[in-house]
């Protein structure tokens, strides 16, 4: 088992932000284990999201629902020297964040013009609490209060130049970049959450980071009020990225 010098990388993403592709990327490293959204059940038990998230019953039945116990697991011993936790920022509900002083914290965002229509394909009527933009700003502010400097990425920048972005991410985490991170076998991974069948169809078809292509479909009118709420938060995050 690893000692306390384990490098713990916590990704704090919004949904549909290529976070799963990033998890697959880190899983290609021989020195790294990955963990898929360990706080999901904690989040579902604490919010009305359990009424409309696909697979919520199975998630609640199969995962640890006590968020503090999940954090204990994250901060406990791991078999490999690097461990990558893919988290959603909105899963942090009500939890003591002091553990983040001992993790490498990566914030991943995406333009809501592109993210919201993708998310709404699965969650038909998303709210601000579902998509994480305001909570990302809240997280940044809480980091600033305690002197934590997060690494902020726009998912578009990763897709435009994966090697450059991943090299920067690894440098910030004080680990060496590994070219194996640029590709992976198509299909599911053992680490996939039980919710993969609802959300991971595209990443299961991929063999690496997909080429960035701007959305061309007309923007859904029903999502425009939410877009207006999200955009100022996204623009703040871009200043940090």
C-alpha atoms as a PDB file:
ATOM      1  CA  UNK A   1       0.000   0.000   0.000  1.00  0.00           C
ATOM      2  CA  UNK A   2       1.061   3.565  -0.578  1.00  0.00           C
ATOM      3  CA  UNK A   3       2.330   5.789   2.191  1.00  0.00           C
ATOM      4  CA  UNK A   4       1.167   9.321   3.007  1.00  0.00           C
ATOM      5  CA  UNK A   5       3.180  10.737   0.107  1.00  0.00           C
ATOM      6  CA  UNK A   6       0.413   9.587  -2.260  1.00  0.00           C
ATOM      7  CA  UNK A   7      -0.399  12.276  -4.827  1.00  0.00           C
ATOM      8  CA  UNK A   8      -4.165  12.818  -4.724  1.00  0.00           C
ATOM      9  CA  UNK A   9      -5.574  14.740  -7.693  1.00  0.00           C
ATOM     10  CA  UNK A  10      -9.167  15.933  -7.234  1.00  0.00           C
ATOM     11  CA  UNK A  11     -10.965  17.004 -10.375  1.00  0.00           C
ATOM     12  CA  UNK A  12     -13.872  19.358  -9.625  1.00  0.00           C
ATOM     13  CA  UNK A  13     -15.919  19.432 -12.810  1.00  0.00           C
ATOM     14  CA  UNK A  14     -19.357  20.336 -14.023  1.00  0.00           C
ATOM     15  CA  UNK A  15     -21.306  17.659 -15.913  1.00  0.00           C
ATOM     16  CA  UNK A  16     -20.648  17.120 -19.649  1.00  0.00           C
ATOM     17  CA  UNK A  17     -17.216  18.757 -19.304  1.00  0.00           C
ATOM     18  CA  UNK A  18     -15.065  15.875 -20.725  1.00  0.00           C
ATOM     19  CA  UNK A  19     -14.357  14.833 -17.138  1.00  0.00           C
ATOM     20  CA  UNK A  20     -14.765  11.142 -17.994  1.00  0.00           C
ATOM     21  CA  UNK A  21     -12.310  11.429 -20.873  1.00  0.00           C
ATOM     22  CA  UNK A  22      -9.868  13.040 -18.456  1.00  0.00           C
ATOM     23  CA  UNK A  23     -10.371  10.159 -16.031  1.00  0.00           C
ATOM     24  CA  UNK A  24      -9.703   7.684 -18.869  1.00  0.00           C
ATOM     25  CA  UNK A  25      -6.575   9.660 -19.747  1.00  0.00           C
ATOM     26  CA  UNK A  26      -5.145   9.413 -16.221  1.00  0.00           C
ATOM     27  CA  UNK A  27      -6.079   5.727 -16.078  1.00  0.00           C
ATOM     28  CA  UNK A  28      -3.481   5.063 -18.806  1.00  0.00           C
ATOM     29  CA  UNK A  29      -0.670   5.935 -16.405  1.00  0.00           C
ATOM     30  CA  UNK A  30       0.975   2.905 -14.806  1.00  0.00           C
ATOM     31  CA  UNK A  31       1.483   4.886 -11.593  1.00  0.00           C
ATOM     32  CA  UNK A  32      -2.138   6.050 -11.257  1.00  0.00           C
ATOM     33  CA  UNK A  33      -5.483   4.648 -10.098  1.00  0.00           C
ATOM     34  CA  UNK A  34      -8.750   6.443 -10.835  1.00  0.00           C
ATOM     35  CA  UNK A  35     -12.054   6.767  -8.988  1.00  0.00           C
ATOM     36  CA  UNK A  36     -15.336   7.813 -10.622  1.00  0.00           C
ATOM     37  CA  UNK A  37     -17.515  10.332  -8.729  1.00  0.00           C
ATOM     38  CA  UNK A  38     -17.198   8.819  -5.256  1.00  0.00           C
ATOM     39  CA  UNK A  39     -19.499  11.485  -3.735  1.00  0.00           C
ATOM     40  CA  UNK A  40     -22.426  10.863  -6.116  1.00  0.00           C
ATOM     41  CA  UNK A  41     -24.564   8.935  -3.585  1.00  0.00           C
ATOM     42  CA  UNK A  42     -23.872  11.549  -0.889  1.00  0.00           C
ATOM     43  CA  UNK A  43     -25.192  14.170  -3.303  1.00  0.00           C
ATOM     44  CA  UNK A  44     -28.280  12.174  -4.310  1.00  0.00           C
ATOM     45  CA  UNK A  45     -29.310  11.413  -0.733  1.00  0.00           C
ATOM     46  CA  UNK A  46     -29.073  15.140   0.107  1.00  0.00           C
ATOM     47  CA  UNK A  47     -31.038  16.678  -2.792  1.00  0.00           C
ATOM     48  CA  UNK A  48     -34.189  16.245  -4.912  1.00  0.00           C
ATOM     49  CA  UNK A  49     -31.861  15.092  -7.729  1.00  0.00           C
ATOM     50  CA  UNK A  50     -32.532  11.514  -6.612  1.00  0.00           C
ATOM     51  CA  UNK A  51     -36.004  11.915  -8.148  1.00  0.00           C
ATOM     52  CA  UNK A  52     -34.783  12.626 -11.680  1.00  0.00           C
ATOM     53  CA  UNK A  53     -31.189  11.414 -12.091  1.00  0.00           C
ATOM     54  CA  UNK A  54     -31.171   8.215 -14.155  1.00  0.00           C
ATOM     55  CA  UNK A  55     -30.109   5.196 -12.129  1.00  0.00           C
ATOM     56  CA  UNK A  56     -30.416   7.040  -8.793  1.00  0.00           C
ATOM     57  CA  UNK A  57     -31.871   4.027  -6.984  1.00  0.00           C
ATOM     58  CA  UNK A  58     -28.959   1.806  -8.036  1.00  0.00           C
ATOM     59  CA  UNK A  59     -26.400   4.500  -7.150  1.00  0.00           C
ATOM     60  CA  UNK A  60     -27.860   4.956  -3.664  1.00  0.00           C
ATOM     61  CA  UNK A  61     -28.014   1.196  -3.134  1.00  0.00           C
ATOM     62  CA  UNK A  62     -24.459   0.465  -4.246  1.00  0.00           C
ATOM     63  CA  UNK A  63     -22.325   3.415  -3.050  1.00  0.00           C
ATOM     64  CA  UNK A  64     -21.324   4.916   0.288  1.00  0.00           C
ATOM     65  CA  UNK A  65     -23.830   7.688   1.081  1.00  0.00           C
ATOM     66  CA  UNK A  66     -21.915   9.250   3.988  1.00  0.00           C
ATOM     67  CA  UNK A  67     -19.776  11.954   2.378  1.00  0.00           C
ATOM     68  CA  UNK A  68     -17.366  12.176   5.335  1.00  0.00           C
ATOM     69  CA  UNK A  69     -16.647   8.437   5.026  1.00  0.00           C
ATOM     70  CA  UNK A  70     -16.007   8.931   1.304  1.00  0.00           C
ATOM     71  CA  UNK A  71     -13.496  11.683   2.072  1.00  0.00           C
ATOM     72  CA  UNK A  72     -11.810   9.371   4.603  1.00  0.00           C
ATOM     73  CA  UNK A  73     -11.462   6.819   1.788  1.00  0.00           C
ATOM     74  CA  UNK A  74     -10.058   9.430  -0.578  1.00  0.00           C
ATOM     75  CA  UNK A  75      -7.496  10.558   1.989  1.00  0.00           C
ATOM     76  CA  UNK A  76      -6.673   7.007   3.078  1.00  0.00           C
ATOM     77  CA  UNK A  77      -4.055   4.649   1.683  1.00  0.00           C
ATOM     78  CA  UNK A  78      -4.034   3.691  -2.014  1.00  0.00           C
ATOM     79  CA  UNK A  79      -2.107   1.043  -3.882  1.00  0.00           C
ATOM     80  CA  UNK A  80      -0.565   3.389  -6.441  1.00  0.00           C
ATOM     81  CA  UNK A  81       1.463   6.567  -5.840  1.00  0.00           C
ATOM     82  CA  UNK A  82      -1.003   8.764  -7.773  1.00  0.00           C
ATOM     83  CA  UNK A  83      -4.787   8.611  -7.464  1.00  0.00           C
ATOM     84  CA  UNK A  84      -7.184  10.652  -9.623  1.00  0.00           C
ATOM     85  CA  UNK A  85     -10.648  11.388  -8.238  1.00  0.00           C
ATOM     86  CA  UNK A  86     -13.198  12.551 -10.801  1.00  0.00           C
ATOM     87  CA  UNK A  87     -15.687  14.672  -8.852  1.00  0.00           C
ATOM     88  CA  UNK A  88     -18.607  16.919  -9.669  1.00  0.00           C
ATOM     89  CA  UNK A  89     -18.427  20.235  -7.800  1.00  0.00           C
ATOM     90  CA  UNK A  90     -22.105  20.077  -6.862  1.00  0.00           C
ATOM     91  CA  UNK A  91     -21.509  16.757  -5.060  1.00  0.00           C
ATOM     92  CA  UNK A  92     -19.640  18.601  -2.264  1.00  0.00           C
ATOM     93  CA  UNK A  93     -22.860  19.538  -0.440  1.00  0.00           C
ATOM     94  CA  UNK A  94     -22.320  20.385   3.220  1.00  0.00           C
ATOM     95  CA  UNK A  95     -18.923  18.710   3.509  1.00  0.00           C
ATOM     96  CA  UNK A  96     -15.849  19.955   5.376  1.00  0.00           C
ATOM     97  CA  UNK A  97     -13.432  21.050   2.643  1.00  0.00           C
ATOM     98  CA  UNK A  98     -10.268  21.149   4.745  1.00  0.00           C
ATOM     99  CA  UNK A  99      -9.017  17.920   3.131  1.00  0.00           C
ATOM    100  CA  UNK A 100      -8.419  19.911  -0.074  1.00  0.00           C
ATOM    101  CA  UNK A 101      -5.339  21.472   1.499  1.00  0.00           C
ATOM    102  CA  UNK A 102      -3.741  18.062   0.942  1.00  0.00           C
ATOM    103  CA  UNK A 103      -4.925  17.419  -2.614  1.00  0.00           C
ATOM    104  CA  UNK A 104      -4.108  18.820  -6.048  1.00  0.00           C
ATOM    105  CA  UNK A 105      -7.331  20.581  -7.051  1.00  0.00           C
ATOM    106  CA  UNK A 106      -8.253  20.873 -10.733  1.00  0.00           C
ATOM    107  CA  UNK A 107     -11.351  22.839 -11.749  1.00  0.00           C
ATOM    108  CA  UNK A 108     -12.792  21.911 -15.144  1.00  0.00           C
ATOM    109  CA  UNK A 109     -15.408  24.062 -16.855  1.00  0.00           C
ATOM    110  CA  UNK A 110     -17.071  24.306 -20.253  1.00  0.00           C
ATOM    111  CA  UNK A 111     -18.928  27.004 -22.145  1.00  0.00           C
ATOM    112  CA  UNK A 112     -22.593  26.659 -21.096  1.00  0.00           C
ATOM    113  CA  UNK A 113     -23.605  27.359 -24.700  1.00  0.00           C
ATOM    114  CA  UNK A 114     -22.210  23.891 -25.449  1.00  0.00           C
ATOM    115  CA  UNK A 115     -22.650  22.172 -22.114  1.00  0.00           C
ATOM    116  CA  UNK A 116     -26.322  22.858 -21.331  1.00  0.00           C
ATOM    117  CA  UNK A 117     -27.851  21.304 -24.502  1.00  0.00           C
ATOM    118  CA  UNK A 118     -25.697  18.210 -23.978  1.00  0.00           C
ATOM    119  CA  UNK A 119     -26.759  17.876 -20.341  1.00  0.00           C
ATOM    120  CA  UNK A 120     -30.414  18.458 -21.210  1.00  0.00           C
ATOM    121  CA  UNK A 121     -30.355  15.373 -23.437  1.00  0.00           C
ATOM    122  CA  UNK A 122     -30.299  13.325 -20.209  1.00  0.00           C
ATOM    123  CA  UNK A 123     -31.742  15.713 -17.588  1.00  0.00           C
ATOM    124  CA  UNK A 124     -34.580  17.424 -19.438  1.00  0.00           C
ATOM    125  CA  UNK A 125     -35.073  20.518 -17.252  1.00  0.00           C
ATOM    126  CA  UNK A 126     -31.746  21.323 -15.577  1.00  0.00           C
ATOM    127  CA  UNK A 127     -31.375  23.978 -12.877  1.00  0.00           C
ATOM    128  CA  UNK A 128     -28.400  26.010 -11.692  1.00  0.00           C
ATOM    129  CA  UNK A 129     -27.867  23.500  -8.871  1.00  0.00           C
ATOM    130  CA  UNK A 130     -27.532  20.694 -11.435  1.00  0.00           C
ATOM    131  CA  UNK A 131     -24.824  22.268 -13.575  1.00  0.00           C
ATOM    132  CA  UNK A 132     -22.299  23.621 -11.109  1.00  0.00           C
ATOM    133  CA  UNK A 133     -21.293  27.031 -12.482  1.00  0.00           C
ATOM    134  CA  UNK A 134     -22.177  29.093  -9.397  1.00  0.00           C
ATOM    135  CA  UNK A 135     -20.748  26.369  -7.170  1.00  0.00           C
ATOM    136  CA  UNK A 136     -17.455  26.522  -9.083  1.00  0.00           C
ATOM    137  CA  UNK A 137     -17.164  30.196  -8.173  1.00  0.00           C
ATOM    138  CA  UNK A 138     -18.073  29.369  -4.573  1.00  0.00           C
ATOM    139  CA  UNK A 139     -15.329  26.729  -4.561  1.00  0.00           C
ATOM    140  CA  UNK A 140     -12.774  29.157  -5.999  1.00  0.00           C
ATOM    141  CA  UNK A 141     -13.656  31.692  -3.308  1.00  0.00           C
ATOM    142  CA  UNK A 142     -13.315  29.095  -0.550  1.00  0.00           C
ATOM    143  CA  UNK A 143      -9.899  28.143  -1.960  1.00  0.00           C
ATOM    144  CA  UNK A 144      -8.819  31.781  -1.913  1.00  0.00           C
ATOM    145  CA  UNK A 145      -9.832  32.107   1.746  1.00  0.00           C
ATOM    146  CA  UNK A 146      -7.440  29.332   2.801  1.00  0.00           C
ATOM    147  CA  UNK A 147      -4.648  29.939   0.288  1.00  0.00           C
ATOM    148  CA  UNK A 148      -5.285  26.984  -2.038  1.00  0.00           C
ATOM    149  CA  UNK A 149      -4.420  27.670  -5.673  1.00  0.00           C
ATOM    150  CA  UNK A 150      -6.550  25.492  -7.967  1.00  0.00           C
ATOM    151  CA  UNK A 151      -5.612  24.620 -11.539  1.00  0.00           C
ATOM    152  CA  UNK A 152      -8.427  25.853 -13.809  1.00  0.00           C
ATOM    153  CA  UNK A 153      -9.061  24.455 -17.289  1.00  0.00           C
ATOM    154  CA  UNK A 154     -11.628  25.103 -19.968  1.00  0.00           C
ATOM    155  CA  UNK A 155     -12.485  21.771 -21.589  1.00  0.00           C
ATOM    156  CA  UNK A 156     -12.190  23.397 -25.034  1.00  0.00           C
ATOM    157  CA  UNK A 157      -8.496  24.115 -24.409  1.00  0.00           C
ATOM    158  CA  UNK A 158      -7.885  20.456 -23.552  1.00  0.00           C
ATOM    159  CA  UNK A 159      -9.601  19.313 -26.759  1.00  0.00           C
ATOM    160  CA  UNK A 160      -7.727  21.877 -28.877  1.00  0.00           C
ATOM    161  CA  UNK A 161      -4.317  20.720 -27.623  1.00  0.00           C
ATOM    162  CA  UNK A 162      -4.498  17.712 -25.289  1.00  0.00           C
ATOM    163  CA  UNK A 163      -0.738  17.270 -24.935  1.00  0.00           C
ATOM    164  CA  UNK A 164      -0.143  20.906 -24.007  1.00  0.00           C
ATOM    165  CA  UNK A 165      -2.998  20.958 -21.489  1.00  0.00           C
ATOM    166  CA  UNK A 166      -2.099  17.631 -19.906  1.00  0.00           C
ATOM    167  CA  UNK A 167       1.566  18.608 -19.673  1.00  0.00           C
ATOM    168  CA  UNK A 168       0.548  21.754 -17.798  1.00  0.00           C
ATOM    169  CA  UNK A 169      -1.773  19.758 -15.550  1.00  0.00           C
ATOM    170  CA  UNK A 170       0.943  17.254 -14.728  1.00  0.00           C
ATOM    171  CA  UNK A 171       3.521  19.986 -14.118  1.00  0.00           C
ATOM    172  CA  UNK A 172       1.158  21.740 -11.717  1.00  0.00           C
ATOM    173  CA  UNK A 173       0.612  18.421  -9.929  1.00  0.00           C
ATOM    174  CA  UNK A 174       4.396  17.778  -9.794  1.00  0.00           C
ATOM    175  CA  UNK A 175       4.177  14.559 -11.781  1.00  0.00           C
ATOM    176  CA  UNK A 176       5.729  13.853 -15.162  1.00  0.00           C
ATOM    177  CA  UNK A 177       3.585  13.910 -18.314  1.00  0.00           C
ATOM    178  CA  UNK A 178       3.067  10.461 -19.834  1.00  0.00           C
ATOM    179  CA  UNK A 179       2.281  10.205 -23.567  1.00  0.00           C
ATOM    180  CA  UNK A 180       0.067   7.198 -22.801  1.00  0.00           C
ATOM    181  CA  UNK A 181      -2.454   9.729 -21.461  1.00  0.00           C
ATOM    182  CA  UNK A 182      -3.311  10.799 -25.020  1.00  0.00           C
ATOM    183  CA  UNK A 183      -5.144   7.599 -26.031  1.00  0.00           C
ATOM    184  CA  UNK A 184      -7.028   4.647 -24.605  1.00  0.00           C
ATOM    185  CA  UNK A 185      -8.860   1.548 -25.860  1.00  0.00           C
ATOM    186  CA  UNK A 186     -12.475   2.069 -26.916  1.00  0.00           C
ATOM    187  CA  UNK A 187     -15.093   0.686 -24.565  1.00  0.00           C
ATOM    188  CA  UNK A 188     -15.997   0.767 -20.895  1.00  0.00           C
ATOM    189  CA  UNK A 189     -13.580   0.750 -17.950  1.00  0.00           C
ATOM    190  CA  UNK A 190     -13.876  -1.264 -14.751  1.00  0.00           C
ATOM    191  CA  UNK A 191     -13.787   2.005 -12.807  1.00  0.00           C
ATOM    192  CA  UNK A 192     -16.885   3.393 -14.571  1.00  0.00           C
ATOM    193  CA  UNK A 193     -19.697   4.354 -12.243  1.00  0.00           C
ATOM    194  CA  UNK A 194     -22.928   2.370 -12.409  1.00  0.00           C
ATOM    195  CA  UNK A 195     -24.417   5.404 -14.225  1.00  0.00           C
ATOM    196  CA  UNK A 196     -22.142   4.938 -17.264  1.00  0.00           C
ATOM    197  CA  UNK A 197     -24.919   3.501 -19.441  1.00  0.00           C
ATOM    198  CA  UNK A 198     -26.791   6.794 -19.213  1.00  0.00           C
ATOM    199  CA  UNK A 199     -23.889   9.224 -19.665  1.00  0.00           C
ATOM    200  CA  UNK A 200     -20.773   7.598 -21.205  1.00  0.00           C
ATOM    201  CA  UNK A 201     -21.930   6.495 -24.658  1.00  0.00           C
ATOM    202  CA  UNK A 202     -19.634   8.907 -26.506  1.00  0.00           C
ATOM    203  CA  UNK A 203     -16.532   8.355 -24.394  1.00  0.00           C
ATOM    204  CA  UNK A 204     -16.947   4.582 -24.789  1.00  0.00           C
ATOM    205  CA  UNK A 205     -16.698   5.081 -28.559  1.00  0.00           C
ATOM    206  CA  UNK A 206     -13.568   7.218 -28.245  1.00  0.00           C
ATOM    207  CA  UNK A 207      -9.913   6.235 -28.355  1.00  0.00           C
ATOM    208  CA  UNK A 208      -8.645   9.607 -27.204  1.00  0.00           C
ATOM    209  CA  UNK A 209      -9.713  13.208 -26.792  1.00  0.00           C
ATOM    210  CA  UNK A 210     -12.123  14.067 -29.578  1.00  0.00           C
ATOM    211  CA  UNK A 211     -11.376  16.968 -31.887  1.00  0.00           C
ATOM    212  CA  UNK A 212     -13.066  20.172 -30.747  1.00  0.00           C
ATOM    213  CA  UNK A 213     -16.032  21.077 -32.940  1.00  0.00           C
ATOM    214  CA  UNK A 214     -18.250  24.089 -32.153  1.00  0.00           C
ATOM    215  CA  UNK A 215     -21.943  23.352 -31.719  1.00  0.00           C
ATOM    216  CA  UNK A 216     -23.956  24.252 -34.825  1.00  0.00           C
ATOM    217  CA  UNK A 217     -27.479  23.200 -33.774  1.00  0.00           C
ATOM    218  CA  UNK A 218     -29.920  26.003 -32.860  1.00  0.00           C
ATOM    219  CA  UNK A 219     -29.843  26.787 -29.151  1.00  0.00           C
ATOM    220  CA  UNK A 220     -32.977  25.506 -27.330  1.00  0.00           C
ATOM    221  CA  UNK A 221     -35.160  28.416 -26.249  1.00  0.00           C
ATOM    222  CA  UNK A 222     -36.130  26.680 -23.008  1.00  0.00           C
ATOM    223  CA  UNK A 223     -32.470  26.715 -21.871  1.00  0.00           C
ATOM    224  CA  UNK A 224     -31.824  30.417 -22.528  1.00  0.00           C
ATOM    225  CA  UNK A 225     -32.836  31.625 -19.025  1.00  0.00           C
ATOM    226  CA  UNK A 226     -30.416  29.128 -17.468  1.00  0.00           C
ATOM    227  CA  UNK A 227     -27.718  30.121 -19.971  1.00  0.00           C
ATOM    228  CA  UNK A 228     -28.083  33.745 -18.872  1.00  0.00           C
ATOM    229  CA  UNK A 229     -27.538  32.680 -15.247  1.00  0.00           C
ATOM    230  CA  UNK A 230     -24.536  30.474 -16.022  1.00  0.00           C
ATOM    231  CA  UNK A 231     -22.586  32.709 -18.383  1.00  0.00           C
ATOM    232  CA  UNK A 232     -21.305  35.310 -15.856  1.00  0.00           C
ATOM    233  CA  UNK A 233     -19.912  32.505 -13.666  1.00  0.00           C
ATOM    234  CA  UNK A 234     -18.287  30.828 -16.654  1.00  0.00           C
ATOM    235  CA  UNK A 235     -16.678  34.105 -17.708  1.00  0.00           C
ATOM    236  CA  UNK A 236     -15.226  34.524 -14.205  1.00  0.00           C
ATOM    237  CA  UNK A 237     -13.743  31.034 -14.404  1.00  0.00           C
ATOM    238  CA  UNK A 238     -12.229  31.794 -17.807  1.00  0.00           C
ATOM    239  CA  UNK A 239     -10.236  34.618 -16.240  1.00  0.00           C
ATOM    240  CA  UNK A 240      -8.600  32.044 -13.970  1.00  0.00           C
ATOM    241  CA  UNK A 241      -8.021  29.522 -16.760  1.00  0.00           C
END
